[in-house]
Amino acid sequence: MEKNNLKLLVRYAVLIALTTIMTMVIHIPTVGTEGYLNLGDMVVFLAALTLGKKGGFIVGGFGSAMADLLLGYTHYAPITFIVKGLEGYIAGSLLETKVGKEKPIIATSIGGIFMAFGYFIPEIFMYGKGAIASIPGNIMQGLLGAITSVVLYTALKRTNAFN
């Protein structure tokens, strides 16, 4: 395996594992649904910031779904794979635009808001009107992840951690 490919593979693996860990370490059950709030979005957005839309999708999908499986939320794992994967992909795609490059907080925030409504759609079928209760918490979770990832990324860039 070529050195650059190995380096990229290691970055994916570390970020997937970190997403799983940050999702599992603090998970607060939500009212009205069988979901939970967590800090995994921060790492999903960090992956989008460092690896682009493909990295955001892979890290968001696999890392977050793995946490669902390990925490016993198996019914959410397929939904999470799609929603969190798309959250990372959307943020990564928007980060490629002029606005995303100048104001990465906008790109990551849009990804976080997408995530909240991405979960809401299947939850309507699973829980009926009770699914509405998950929207505010998921929006807060997504925005917290958006803000913390941009702050962390900015700090890491200053240390030349990405060179």
C-alpha atoms as a PDB file:
ATOM      1  CA  MET A   1       0.000   0.000   0.000  1.00  0.00           C
ATOM      2  CA  GLU A   2       1.293   3.429  -0.918  1.00  0.00           C
ATOM      3  CA  LYS A   3       2.333   5.674   2.003  1.00  0.00           C
ATOM      4  CA  ASN A   4      -0.267   8.362   1.204  1.00  0.00           C
ATOM      5  CA  ASN A   5      -3.061   5.777   0.927  1.00  0.00           C
ATOM      6  CA  LEU A   6      -2.057   4.281   4.270  1.00  0.00           C
ATOM      7  CA  LYS A   7      -2.021   7.727   5.876  1.00  0.00           C
ATOM      8  CA  LEU A   8      -5.522   8.449   4.531  1.00  0.00           C
ATOM      9  CA  LEU A   9      -6.810   5.058   5.667  1.00  0.00           C
ATOM     10  CA  VAL A  10      -5.464   5.704   9.169  1.00  0.00           C
ATOM     11  CA  ARG A  11      -7.158   9.126   9.242  1.00  0.00           C
ATOM     12  CA  TYR A  12     -10.482   7.537   8.273  1.00  0.00           C
ATOM     13  CA  ALA A  13     -10.087   4.810  10.900  1.00  0.00           C
ATOM     14  CA  VAL A  14      -9.168   7.251  13.675  1.00  0.00           C
ATOM     15  CA  LEU A  15     -12.031   9.609  12.846  1.00  0.00           C
ATOM     16  CA  ILE A  16     -14.549   6.741  12.602  1.00  0.00           C
ATOM     17  CA  ALA A  17     -13.394   5.447  16.000  1.00  0.00           C
ATOM     18  CA  LEU A  18     -13.461   8.956  17.479  1.00  0.00           C
ATOM     19  CA  THR A  19     -16.993   9.516  16.147  1.00  0.00           C
ATOM     20  CA  THR A  20     -18.103   6.274  17.776  1.00  0.00           C
ATOM     21  CA  ILE A  21     -16.447   7.204  21.077  1.00  0.00           C
ATOM     22  CA  MET A  22     -17.750  10.787  21.165  1.00  0.00           C
ATOM     23  CA  THR A  23     -21.230   9.490  20.399  1.00  0.00           C
ATOM     24  CA  MET A  24     -21.053   6.884  23.155  1.00  0.00           C
ATOM     25  CA  VAL A  25     -19.303   8.830  25.932  1.00  0.00           C
ATOM     26  CA  ILE A  26     -22.129  11.305  26.448  1.00  0.00           C
ATOM     27  CA  HIS A  27     -25.492  10.071  25.241  1.00  0.00           C
ATOM     28  CA  ILE A  28     -28.593  11.652  26.696  1.00  0.00           C
ATOM     29  CA  PRO A  29     -31.897   9.856  25.906  1.00  0.00           C
ATOM     30  CA  THR A  30     -34.490  12.079  24.203  1.00  0.00           C
ATOM     31  CA  VAL A  31     -38.112  12.518  25.197  1.00  0.00           C
ATOM     32  CA  GLY A  32     -40.742  11.115  22.817  1.00  0.00           C
ATOM     33  CA  THR A  33     -38.413   8.930  20.748  1.00  0.00           C
ATOM     34  CA  GLU A  34     -36.007   6.131  21.458  1.00  0.00           C
ATOM     35  CA  GLY A  35     -33.011   8.236  20.378  1.00  0.00           C
ATOM     36  CA  TYR A  36     -30.319  10.161  22.238  1.00  0.00           C
ATOM     37  CA  LEU A  37     -28.240  13.343  22.049  1.00  0.00           C
ATOM     38  CA  ASN A  38     -24.442  13.121  21.717  1.00  0.00           C
ATOM     39  CA  LEU A  39     -21.189  14.842  20.688  1.00  0.00           C
ATOM     40  CA  GLY A  40     -20.442  12.730  17.606  1.00  0.00           C
ATOM     41  CA  ASP A  41     -21.442  15.496  15.176  1.00  0.00           C
ATOM     42  CA  MET A  42     -18.331  17.429  16.140  1.00  0.00           C
ATOM     43  CA  VAL A  43     -16.144  14.659  14.712  1.00  0.00           C
ATOM     44  CA  VAL A  44     -18.367  14.177  11.645  1.00  0.00           C
ATOM     45  CA  PHE A  45     -17.877  17.869  10.813  1.00  0.00           C
ATOM     46  CA  LEU A  46     -14.166  17.663  11.623  1.00  0.00           C
ATOM     47  CA  ALA A  47     -13.965  14.845   9.050  1.00  0.00           C
ATOM     48  CA  ALA A  48     -15.804  17.004   6.495  1.00  0.00           C
ATOM     49  CA  LEU A  49     -13.435  19.892   7.232  1.00  0.00           C
ATOM     50  CA  THR A  50     -10.298  17.753   6.877  1.00  0.00           C
ATOM     51  CA  LEU A  51     -11.277  15.014   4.405  1.00  0.00           C
ATOM     52  CA  GLY A  52     -14.046  16.650   2.359  1.00  0.00           C
ATOM     53  CA  LYS A  53     -17.506  15.393   1.472  1.00  0.00           C
ATOM     54  CA  LYS A  54     -16.474  11.767   0.913  1.00  0.00           C
ATOM     55  CA  GLY A  55     -14.714  11.674   4.282  1.00  0.00           C
ATOM     56  CA  GLY A  56     -17.669  13.362   5.949  1.00  0.00           C
ATOM     57  CA  PHE A  57     -20.018  10.722   4.561  1.00  0.00           C
ATOM     58  CA  ILE A  58     -17.854   7.718   5.444  1.00  0.00           C
ATOM     59  CA  VAL A  59     -16.913   8.915   8.929  1.00  0.00           C
ATOM     60  CA  GLY A  60     -20.423  10.169   9.719  1.00  0.00           C
ATOM     61  CA  GLY A  61     -22.145   7.047   8.453  1.00  0.00           C
ATOM     62  CA  PHE A  62     -19.895   4.329   9.805  1.00  0.00           C
ATOM     63  CA  GLY A  63     -18.809   5.976  13.070  1.00  0.00           C
ATOM     64  CA  SER A  64     -22.301   7.012  14.127  1.00  0.00           C
ATOM     65  CA  ALA A  65     -23.997   3.754  13.085  1.00  0.00           C
ATOM     66  CA  MET A  66     -21.330   1.796  14.967  1.00  0.00           C
ATOM     67  CA  ALA A  67     -22.210   3.736  18.136  1.00  0.00           C
ATOM     68  CA  ASP A  68     -25.890   2.892  17.655  1.00  0.00           C
ATOM     69  CA  LEU A  69     -25.035  -0.795  17.327  1.00  0.00           C
ATOM     70  CA  LEU A  70     -22.760  -0.794  20.389  1.00  0.00           C
ATOM     71  CA  LEU A  71     -25.247   1.146  22.532  1.00  0.00           C
ATOM     72  CA  GLY A  72     -28.164  -1.143  21.642  1.00  0.00           C
ATOM     73  CA  TYR A  73     -30.000   1.318  19.384  1.00  0.00           C
ATOM     74  CA  THR A  74     -29.899  -1.202  16.536  1.00  0.00           C
ATOM     75  CA  HIS A  75     -33.232  -0.006  15.120  1.00  0.00           C
ATOM     76  CA  TYR A  76     -31.575   3.379  14.478  1.00  0.00           C
ATOM     77  CA  ALA A  77     -28.331   2.105  12.876  1.00  0.00           C
ATOM     78  CA  PRO A  78     -29.534   2.100   9.214  1.00  0.00           C
ATOM     79  CA  ILE A  79     -31.221   5.486   9.635  1.00  0.00           C
ATOM     80  CA  THR A  80     -28.142   6.874  11.367  1.00  0.00           C
ATOM     81  CA  PHE A  81     -25.842   5.576   8.648  1.00  0.00           C
ATOM     82  CA  ILE A  82     -27.814   7.505   6.022  1.00  0.00           C
ATOM     83  CA  VAL A  83     -28.606  10.653   8.038  1.00  0.00           C
ATOM     84  CA  LYS A  84     -25.162  11.131   9.614  1.00  0.00           C
ATOM     85  CA  GLY A  85     -23.435  10.156   6.383  1.00  0.00           C
ATOM     86  CA  LEU A  86     -25.448  12.780   4.501  1.00  0.00           C
ATOM     87  CA  GLU A  87     -24.823  15.297   7.299  1.00  0.00           C
ATOM     88  CA  GLY A  88     -21.078  14.931   6.697  1.00  0.00           C
ATOM     89  CA  TYR A  89     -21.497  14.900   2.919  1.00  0.00           C
ATOM     90  CA  ILE A  90     -23.652  18.034   2.878  1.00  0.00           C
ATOM     91  CA  ALA A  91     -21.264  19.915   5.164  1.00  0.00           C
ATOM     92  CA  GLY A  92     -18.285  18.758   3.081  1.00  0.00           C
ATOM     93  CA  SER A  93     -19.984  19.798  -0.168  1.00  0.00           C
ATOM     94  CA  LEU A  94     -20.848  23.226   1.206  1.00  0.00           C
ATOM     95  CA  LEU A  95     -17.305  23.635   2.540  1.00  0.00           C
ATOM     96  CA  GLU A  96     -16.097  23.454  -1.076  1.00  0.00           C
ATOM     97  CA  THR A  97     -18.073  26.596  -1.986  1.00  0.00           C
ATOM     98  CA  LYS A  98     -16.838  30.167  -1.599  1.00  0.00           C
ATOM     99  CA  VAL A  99     -19.176  30.778   1.353  1.00  0.00           C
ATOM    100  CA  GLY A 100     -18.142  27.488   2.974  1.00  0.00           C
ATOM    101  CA  LYS A 101     -14.456  28.346   2.701  1.00  0.00           C
ATOM    102  CA  GLU A 102     -14.960  31.832   4.110  1.00  0.00           C
ATOM    103  CA  LYS A 103     -17.536  30.908   6.771  1.00  0.00           C
ATOM    104  CA  PRO A 104     -17.246  27.191   7.575  1.00  0.00           C
ATOM    105  CA  ILE A 105     -19.704  27.635  10.445  1.00  0.00           C
ATOM    106  CA  ILE A 106     -22.471  28.147   7.873  1.00  0.00           C
ATOM    107  CA  ALA A 107     -21.661  24.884   6.074  1.00  0.00           C
ATOM    108  CA  THR A 108     -21.437  22.841   9.281  1.00  0.00           C
ATOM    109  CA  SER A 109     -24.589  24.449  10.725  1.00  0.00           C
ATOM    110  CA  ILE A 110     -26.581  23.566   7.609  1.00  0.00           C
ATOM    111  CA  GLY A 111     -25.317  19.985   7.948  1.00  0.00           C
ATOM    112  CA  GLY A 112     -26.435  19.951  11.588  1.00  0.00           C
ATOM    113  CA  ILE A 113     -29.884  21.306  10.783  1.00  0.00           C
ATOM    114  CA  PHE A 114     -30.234  18.731   7.997  1.00  0.00           C
ATOM    115  CA  MET A 115     -29.420  16.012  10.540  1.00  0.00           C
ATOM    116  CA  ALA A 116     -32.267  17.125  12.835  1.00  0.00           C
ATOM    117  CA  PHE A 117     -34.827  16.946  10.043  1.00  0.00           C
ATOM    118  CA  GLY A 118     -33.196  13.844   8.556  1.00  0.00           C
ATOM    119  CA  TYR A 119     -34.026  11.986  11.762  1.00  0.00           C
ATOM    120  CA  PHE A 120     -37.475  13.576  12.031  1.00  0.00           C
ATOM    121  CA  ILE A 121     -38.727  12.054   8.766  1.00  0.00           C
ATOM    122  CA  PRO A 122     -38.317   8.366   9.719  1.00  0.00           C
ATOM    123  CA  GLU A 123     -39.255   9.119  13.349  1.00  0.00           C
ATOM    124  CA  ILE A 124     -42.678  10.382  12.202  1.00  0.00           C
ATOM    125  CA  PHE A 125     -43.358   6.844  10.936  1.00  0.00           C
ATOM    126  CA  MET A 126     -41.862   5.262  14.043  1.00  0.00           C
ATOM    127  CA  TYR A 127     -43.359   7.465  16.778  1.00  0.00           C
ATOM    128  CA  GLY A 128     -46.032   9.646  15.196  1.00  0.00           C
ATOM    129  CA  LYS A 129     -46.428  13.162  16.588  1.00  0.00           C
ATOM    130  CA  GLY A 130     -43.962  12.378  19.381  1.00  0.00           C
ATOM    131  CA  ALA A 131     -41.166  12.721  16.839  1.00  0.00           C
ATOM    132  CA  ILE A 132     -41.563  16.501  16.994  1.00  0.00           C
ATOM    133  CA  ALA A 133     -40.013  16.387  20.474  1.00  0.00           C
ATOM    134  CA  SER A 134     -36.659  15.318  18.995  1.00  0.00           C
ATOM    135  CA  ILE A 135     -36.245  18.329  16.682  1.00  0.00           C
ATOM    136  CA  PRO A 136     -35.068  20.992  19.178  1.00  0.00           C
ATOM    137  CA  GLY A 137     -32.545  18.676  20.836  1.00  0.00           C
ATOM    138  CA  ASN A 138     -31.194  17.449  17.512  1.00  0.00           C
ATOM    139  CA  ILE A 139     -30.862  21.019  16.228  1.00  0.00           C
ATOM    140  CA  MET A 140     -28.958  21.983  19.394  1.00  0.00           C
ATOM    141  CA  GLN A 141     -26.765  18.891  19.030  1.00  0.00           C
ATOM    142  CA  GLY A 142     -26.045  19.689  15.374  1.00  0.00           C
ATOM    143  CA  LEU A 143     -25.237  23.335  16.073  1.00  0.00           C
ATOM    144  CA  LEU A 144     -23.024  22.428  19.033  1.00  0.00           C
ATOM    145  CA  GLY A 145     -21.152  20.014  16.757  1.00  0.00           C
ATOM    146  CA  ALA A 146     -20.915  22.689  14.059  1.00  0.00           C
ATOM    147  CA  ILE A 147     -19.451  25.303  16.393  1.00  0.00           C
ATOM    148  CA  THR A 148     -17.051  23.026  18.268  1.00  0.00           C
ATOM    149  CA  SER A 149     -15.733  21.420  15.075  1.00  0.00           C
ATOM    150  CA  VAL A 150     -14.934  24.776  13.457  1.00  0.00           C
ATOM    151  CA  VAL A 151     -13.237  26.028  16.648  1.00  0.00           C
ATOM    152  CA  LEU A 152     -11.217  22.801  16.959  1.00  0.00           C
ATOM    153  CA  TYR A 153     -10.321  22.771  13.264  1.00  0.00           C
ATOM    154  CA  THR A 154      -9.167  26.405  13.399  1.00  0.00           C
ATOM    155  CA  ALA A 155      -7.018  25.671  16.455  1.00  0.00           C
ATOM    156  CA  LEU A 156      -5.516  22.539  14.886  1.00  0.00           C
ATOM    157  CA  LYS A 157      -4.735  24.403  11.655  1.00  0.00           C
ATOM    158  CA  ARG A 158      -2.710  26.938  13.629  1.00  0.00           C
ATOM    159  CA  THR A 159      -0.575  24.133  15.077  1.00  0.00           C
ATOM    160  CA  ASN A 160       0.207  22.762  11.594  1.00  0.00           C
ATOM    161  CA  ALA A 161      -1.406  19.460  12.653  1.00  0.00           C
ATOM    162  CA  PHE A 162      -2.576  18.878   9.082  1.00  0.00           C
ATOM    163  CA  ASN A 163       0.843  19.112   7.446  1.00  0.00           C
END
